[in-house]
């Protein structure tokens, strides 16, 4: 996705008239990224392997490094960021991108915002020549699992444990060759 390029999702079923867009985060967005990440950890601490305290301690340079290896997309409504997702190429398999740090503010859940964020990572995956997106999601996070399933992700059978919480997380994957969406 080109720098500054916006993704405006098609109108879909929604209980809200909220308008939003998704854009690629760029150098200079470090304060925005930090604010959204801290909101995500305050709202849903068990959904992430990091902690609020760890992210709070990050420096601007740390946030800049976050942006460097892959693509981070920000969900915006008006002039406020209200969601995010990151995609990072696998360090051993260039055909794989990892979807991480997905979060949407409660006011935008059920509006298609999560689908737009996931779609942005899938589009970026194609742009970098990868063919598969993998993610890990806490097994009991039904809403997130449904979102990923709606986007064509399927459980791979791989499981792990989130170290900080002990929650079981499952791996899900989507591949361009089998995408039906």
C-alpha atoms as a PDB file:
ATOM      1  CA  UNK A   1       0.000   0.000   0.000  1.00  0.00           C
ATOM      2  CA  UNK A   2       1.485   3.331  -1.006  1.00  0.00           C
ATOM      3  CA  UNK A   3       2.507   5.821   1.637  1.00  0.00           C
ATOM      4  CA  UNK A   4      -0.470   7.878   2.753  1.00  0.00           C
ATOM      5  CA  UNK A   5      -2.890   5.741   0.763  1.00  0.00           C
ATOM      6  CA  UNK A   6      -6.259   5.396   2.447  1.00  0.00           C
ATOM      7  CA  UNK A   7      -8.550   2.410   2.379  1.00  0.00           C
ATOM      8  CA  UNK A   8     -12.202   3.334   2.672  1.00  0.00           C
ATOM      9  CA  UNK A   9     -14.339   0.275   3.255  1.00  0.00           C
ATOM     10  CA  UNK A  10     -17.612  -0.220   1.436  1.00  0.00           C
ATOM     11  CA  UNK A  11     -20.755   0.503   3.392  1.00  0.00           C
ATOM     12  CA  UNK A  12     -21.932  -2.580   5.212  1.00  0.00           C
ATOM     13  CA  UNK A  13     -24.325  -3.615   7.941  1.00  0.00           C
ATOM     14  CA  UNK A  14     -23.813  -1.357  10.908  1.00  0.00           C
ATOM     15  CA  UNK A  15     -25.629  -0.095  13.943  1.00  0.00           C
ATOM     16  CA  UNK A  16     -23.708   3.128  13.559  1.00  0.00           C
ATOM     17  CA  UNK A  17     -23.316   5.871  11.003  1.00  0.00           C
ATOM     18  CA  UNK A  18     -19.650   6.225  11.905  1.00  0.00           C
ATOM     19  CA  UNK A  19     -17.351   6.810   8.979  1.00  0.00           C
ATOM     20  CA  UNK A  20     -13.800   5.561   9.157  1.00  0.00           C
ATOM     21  CA  UNK A  21     -10.759   5.027   7.029  1.00  0.00           C
ATOM     22  CA  UNK A  22      -7.630   2.924   7.273  1.00  0.00           C
ATOM     23  CA  UNK A  23      -4.222   4.292   6.430  1.00  0.00           C
ATOM     24  CA  UNK A  24      -0.653   3.120   6.517  1.00  0.00           C
ATOM     25  CA  UNK A  25       1.205   4.518   9.528  1.00  0.00           C
ATOM     26  CA  UNK A  26       4.385   6.400   8.627  1.00  0.00           C
ATOM     27  CA  UNK A  27       7.339   7.924  10.447  1.00  0.00           C
ATOM     28  CA  UNK A  28       5.852  10.774  12.471  1.00  0.00           C
ATOM     29  CA  UNK A  29       2.900   8.625  13.620  1.00  0.00           C
ATOM     30  CA  UNK A  30       4.792   7.333  16.673  1.00  0.00           C
ATOM     31  CA  UNK A  31       2.640   9.298  19.180  1.00  0.00           C
ATOM     32  CA  UNK A  32      -0.546   8.083  17.501  1.00  0.00           C
ATOM     33  CA  UNK A  33       0.660   4.481  17.463  1.00  0.00           C
ATOM     34  CA  UNK A  34       1.619   4.721  21.137  1.00  0.00           C
ATOM     35  CA  UNK A  35      -1.773   6.162  22.120  1.00  0.00           C
ATOM     36  CA  UNK A  36      -3.737   3.496  20.247  1.00  0.00           C
ATOM     37  CA  UNK A  37      -1.571   0.667  21.576  1.00  0.00           C
ATOM     38  CA  UNK A  38      -2.012   1.896  25.160  1.00  0.00           C
ATOM     39  CA  UNK A  39      -5.785   2.151  24.627  1.00  0.00           C
ATOM     40  CA  UNK A  40      -5.792  -1.414  23.311  1.00  0.00           C
ATOM     41  CA  UNK A  41      -3.895  -2.754  26.312  1.00  0.00           C
ATOM     42  CA  UNK A  42      -6.083  -0.838  28.767  1.00  0.00           C
ATOM     43  CA  UNK A  43      -9.243  -2.101  27.043  1.00  0.00           C
ATOM     44  CA  UNK A  44      -8.241  -5.716  26.374  1.00  0.00           C
ATOM     45  CA  UNK A  45      -5.126  -6.625  28.380  1.00  0.00           C
ATOM     46  CA  UNK A  46      -5.585 -10.397  28.002  1.00  0.00           C
ATOM     47  CA  UNK A  47      -5.744 -10.183  24.212  1.00  0.00           C
ATOM     48  CA  UNK A  48      -2.089  -9.202  23.854  1.00  0.00           C
ATOM     49  CA  UNK A  49       1.193 -10.773  24.866  1.00  0.00           C
ATOM     50  CA  UNK A  50       2.588  -7.393  25.932  1.00  0.00           C
ATOM     51  CA  UNK A  51       1.644  -5.302  28.952  1.00  0.00           C
ATOM     52  CA  UNK A  52       0.531  -1.718  29.396  1.00  0.00           C
ATOM     53  CA  UNK A  53       3.628  -0.995  31.470  1.00  0.00           C
ATOM     54  CA  UNK A  54       5.976  -2.387  28.799  1.00  0.00           C
ATOM     55  CA  UNK A  55       4.374  -0.323  26.032  1.00  0.00           C
ATOM     56  CA  UNK A  56       4.237   2.791  28.227  1.00  0.00           C
ATOM     57  CA  UNK A  57       8.014   2.572  28.689  1.00  0.00           C
ATOM     58  CA  UNK A  58       8.725   2.506  24.927  1.00  0.00           C
ATOM     59  CA  UNK A  59      10.588   5.486  23.512  1.00  0.00           C
ATOM     60  CA  UNK A  60       9.842   7.307  20.270  1.00  0.00           C
ATOM     61  CA  UNK A  61      12.718   5.363  18.734  1.00  0.00           C
ATOM     62  CA  UNK A  62      11.106   2.091  19.894  1.00  0.00           C
ATOM     63  CA  UNK A  63       7.864   3.086  18.138  1.00  0.00           C
ATOM     64  CA  UNK A  64       9.844   4.035  15.028  1.00  0.00           C
ATOM     65  CA  UNK A  65      11.391   0.549  15.039  1.00  0.00           C
ATOM     66  CA  UNK A  66       7.861  -0.902  15.341  1.00  0.00           C
ATOM     67  CA  UNK A  67       7.011   0.797  12.038  1.00  0.00           C
ATOM     68  CA  UNK A  68      10.186  -0.262  10.241  1.00  0.00           C
ATOM     69  CA  UNK A  69      10.003  -4.020   9.573  1.00  0.00           C
ATOM     70  CA  UNK A  70       6.504  -4.287   8.187  1.00  0.00           C
ATOM     71  CA  UNK A  71       3.302  -2.314   7.821  1.00  0.00           C
ATOM     72  CA  UNK A  72       1.123  -0.852  10.553  1.00  0.00           C
ATOM     73  CA  UNK A  73      -2.337   0.373   9.653  1.00  0.00           C
ATOM     74  CA  UNK A  74      -4.333   2.899  11.671  1.00  0.00           C
ATOM     75  CA  UNK A  75      -8.114   3.015  11.783  1.00  0.00           C
ATOM     76  CA  UNK A  76      -9.286   6.619  11.918  1.00  0.00           C
ATOM     77  CA  UNK A  77     -12.627   8.256  12.445  1.00  0.00           C
ATOM     78  CA  UNK A  78     -12.603  11.982  11.958  1.00  0.00           C
ATOM     79  CA  UNK A  79      -9.235  13.109  13.245  1.00  0.00           C
ATOM     80  CA  UNK A  80      -8.909  10.387  15.870  1.00  0.00           C
ATOM     81  CA  UNK A  81      -7.196   6.997  15.653  1.00  0.00           C
ATOM     82  CA  UNK A  82      -9.465   4.276  16.994  1.00  0.00           C
ATOM     83  CA  UNK A  83      -7.839   1.023  15.946  1.00  0.00           C
ATOM     84  CA  UNK A  84      -4.750  -0.605  14.536  1.00  0.00           C
ATOM     85  CA  UNK A  85      -3.171  -3.722  13.105  1.00  0.00           C
ATOM     86  CA  UNK A  86       0.365  -4.645  12.127  1.00  0.00           C
ATOM     87  CA  UNK A  87       1.736  -6.995   9.517  1.00  0.00           C
ATOM     88  CA  UNK A  88       5.306  -8.298   9.675  1.00  0.00           C
ATOM     89  CA  UNK A  89       7.023 -10.704   7.290  1.00  0.00           C
ATOM     90  CA  UNK A  90       8.194 -13.965   8.788  1.00  0.00           C
ATOM     91  CA  UNK A  91      11.950 -13.909   9.333  1.00  0.00           C
ATOM     92  CA  UNK A  92      12.394 -17.453   7.965  1.00  0.00           C
ATOM     93  CA  UNK A  93       9.670 -17.791   5.327  1.00  0.00           C
ATOM     94  CA  UNK A  94       9.137 -14.838   2.971  1.00  0.00           C
ATOM     95  CA  UNK A  95       5.811 -16.269   1.815  1.00  0.00           C
ATOM     96  CA  UNK A  96       4.331 -15.633   5.296  1.00  0.00           C
ATOM     97  CA  UNK A  97       3.157 -12.419   6.961  1.00  0.00           C
ATOM     98  CA  UNK A  98       2.163 -12.332  10.633  1.00  0.00           C
ATOM     99  CA  UNK A  99      -0.892 -10.260  11.561  1.00  0.00           C
ATOM    100  CA  UNK A 100      -0.383  -8.764  15.038  1.00  0.00           C
ATOM    101  CA  UNK A 101      -1.565  -6.108  17.480  1.00  0.00           C
ATOM    102  CA  UNK A 102      -5.113  -6.036  16.072  1.00  0.00           C
ATOM    103  CA  UNK A 103      -7.488  -3.827  18.045  1.00  0.00           C
ATOM    104  CA  UNK A 104     -10.609  -1.761  17.380  1.00  0.00           C
ATOM    105  CA  UNK A 105     -12.152   0.686  19.854  1.00  0.00           C
ATOM    106  CA  UNK A 106     -15.454  -0.576  21.286  1.00  0.00           C
ATOM    107  CA  UNK A 107     -17.375   2.233  19.556  1.00  0.00           C
ATOM    108  CA  UNK A 108     -16.309   0.863  16.168  1.00  0.00           C
ATOM    109  CA  UNK A 109     -16.829  -2.842  16.764  1.00  0.00           C
ATOM    110  CA  UNK A 110     -19.541  -4.274  14.554  1.00  0.00           C
ATOM    111  CA  UNK A 111     -19.081  -1.521  11.929  1.00  0.00           C
ATOM    112  CA  UNK A 112     -16.800  -3.363   9.516  1.00  0.00           C
ATOM    113  CA  UNK A 113     -13.724  -1.606  10.929  1.00  0.00           C
ATOM    114  CA  UNK A 114     -12.008  -4.849  11.947  1.00  0.00           C
ATOM    115  CA  UNK A 115     -12.676  -6.306   8.500  1.00  0.00           C
ATOM    116  CA  UNK A 116     -11.100  -3.213   6.924  1.00  0.00           C
ATOM    117  CA  UNK A 117      -7.982  -3.546   9.082  1.00  0.00           C
ATOM    118  CA  UNK A 118      -7.598  -7.254   8.284  1.00  0.00           C
ATOM    119  CA  UNK A 119      -8.182  -6.465   4.609  1.00  0.00           C
ATOM    120  CA  UNK A 120      -5.364  -3.922   4.701  1.00  0.00           C
ATOM    121  CA  UNK A 121      -2.906  -6.526   5.968  1.00  0.00           C
ATOM    122  CA  UNK A 122      -4.091  -9.006   3.353  1.00  0.00           C
ATOM    123  CA  UNK A 123      -3.619  -6.403   0.601  1.00  0.00           C
ATOM    124  CA  UNK A 124      -0.132  -5.538   1.908  1.00  0.00           C
ATOM    125  CA  UNK A 125       0.698  -9.260   1.963  1.00  0.00           C
ATOM    126  CA  UNK A 126       0.001  -9.438  -1.768  1.00  0.00           C
ATOM    127  CA  UNK A 127       2.035  -6.281  -2.405  1.00  0.00           C
ATOM    128  CA  UNK A 128       5.124  -7.766  -0.771  1.00  0.00           C
ATOM    129  CA  UNK A 129       4.722 -11.049  -2.655  1.00  0.00           C
ATOM    130  CA  UNK A 130       3.724 -13.186   0.316  1.00  0.00           C
ATOM    131  CA  UNK A 131       0.923 -15.730  -0.023  1.00  0.00           C
ATOM    132  CA  UNK A 132      -0.116 -16.492   3.553  1.00  0.00           C
ATOM    133  CA  UNK A 133      -1.103 -14.546   6.658  1.00  0.00           C
ATOM    134  CA  UNK A 134      -0.848 -16.158  10.084  1.00  0.00           C
ATOM    135  CA  UNK A 135      -2.000 -14.904  13.441  1.00  0.00           C
ATOM    136  CA  UNK A 136      -2.445 -16.025  17.010  1.00  0.00           C
ATOM    137  CA  UNK A 137      -5.640 -15.381  18.918  1.00  0.00           C
ATOM    138  CA  UNK A 138      -6.668 -16.250  22.461  1.00  0.00           C
ATOM    139  CA  UNK A 139      -8.886 -19.307  22.158  1.00  0.00           C
ATOM    140  CA  UNK A 140     -11.686 -17.823  24.299  1.00  0.00           C
ATOM    141  CA  UNK A 141     -11.831 -14.554  22.314  1.00  0.00           C
ATOM    142  CA  UNK A 142     -14.873 -15.596  20.292  1.00  0.00           C
ATOM    143  CA  UNK A 143     -15.492 -12.188  18.732  1.00  0.00           C
ATOM    144  CA  UNK A 144     -11.945 -12.019  17.335  1.00  0.00           C
ATOM    145  CA  UNK A 145     -12.078 -15.612  16.111  1.00  0.00           C
ATOM    146  CA  UNK A 146     -15.358 -14.919  14.275  1.00  0.00           C
ATOM    147  CA  UNK A 147     -13.821 -11.823  12.674  1.00  0.00           C
ATOM    148  CA  UNK A 148     -10.843 -13.808  11.405  1.00  0.00           C
ATOM    149  CA  UNK A 149     -13.037 -16.686  10.217  1.00  0.00           C
ATOM    150  CA  UNK A 150     -15.216 -14.191   8.323  1.00  0.00           C
ATOM    151  CA  UNK A 151     -12.010 -13.004   6.601  1.00  0.00           C
ATOM    152  CA  UNK A 152     -11.176 -16.561   5.514  1.00  0.00           C
ATOM    153  CA  UNK A 153      -8.765 -17.556   8.298  1.00  0.00           C
ATOM    154  CA  UNK A 154      -8.851 -21.136   9.536  1.00  0.00           C
ATOM    155  CA  UNK A 155      -7.306 -22.757  12.613  1.00  0.00           C
ATOM    156  CA  UNK A 156      -4.063 -24.544  11.754  1.00  0.00           C
ATOM    157  CA  UNK A 157      -4.147 -26.920  14.734  1.00  0.00           C
ATOM    158  CA  UNK A 158      -1.136 -25.199  16.320  1.00  0.00           C
ATOM    159  CA  UNK A 159      -1.598 -23.908  19.866  1.00  0.00           C
ATOM    160  CA  UNK A 160       0.478 -22.112  22.439  1.00  0.00           C
ATOM    161  CA  UNK A 161       0.142 -20.389  25.773  1.00  0.00           C
ATOM    162  CA  UNK A 162       0.307 -16.650  26.398  1.00  0.00           C
ATOM    163  CA  UNK A 163       3.120 -16.414  28.923  1.00  0.00           C
ATOM    164  CA  UNK A 164       1.768 -13.448  30.916  1.00  0.00           C
ATOM    165  CA  UNK A 165      -1.768 -14.839  31.353  1.00  0.00           C
ATOM    166  CA  UNK A 166      -1.612 -18.590  30.793  1.00  0.00           C
ATOM    167  CA  UNK A 167      -4.388 -18.302  28.184  1.00  0.00           C
ATOM    168  CA  UNK A 168      -4.375 -20.810  25.329  1.00  0.00           C
ATOM    169  CA  UNK A 169      -3.900 -19.177  21.959  1.00  0.00           C
ATOM    170  CA  UNK A 170      -4.532 -20.778  18.614  1.00  0.00           C
ATOM    171  CA  UNK A 171      -2.844 -20.108  15.303  1.00  0.00           C
ATOM    172  CA  UNK A 172      -5.025 -19.231  12.334  1.00  0.00           C
ATOM    173  CA  UNK A 173      -3.949 -18.829   8.718  1.00  0.00           C
ATOM    174  CA  UNK A 174      -5.249 -17.386   5.479  1.00  0.00           C
ATOM    175  CA  UNK A 175      -3.755 -18.033   2.058  1.00  0.00           C
ATOM    176  CA  UNK A 176      -4.454 -16.146  -1.148  1.00  0.00           C
ATOM    177  CA  UNK A 177      -4.872 -19.384  -3.058  1.00  0.00           C
ATOM    178  CA  UNK A 178      -7.798 -20.519  -0.913  1.00  0.00           C
ATOM    179  CA  UNK A 179      -9.414 -17.145  -0.127  1.00  0.00           C
ATOM    180  CA  UNK A 180     -13.082 -16.985  -0.943  1.00  0.00           C
ATOM    181  CA  UNK A 181     -13.530 -13.298  -0.081  1.00  0.00           C
END
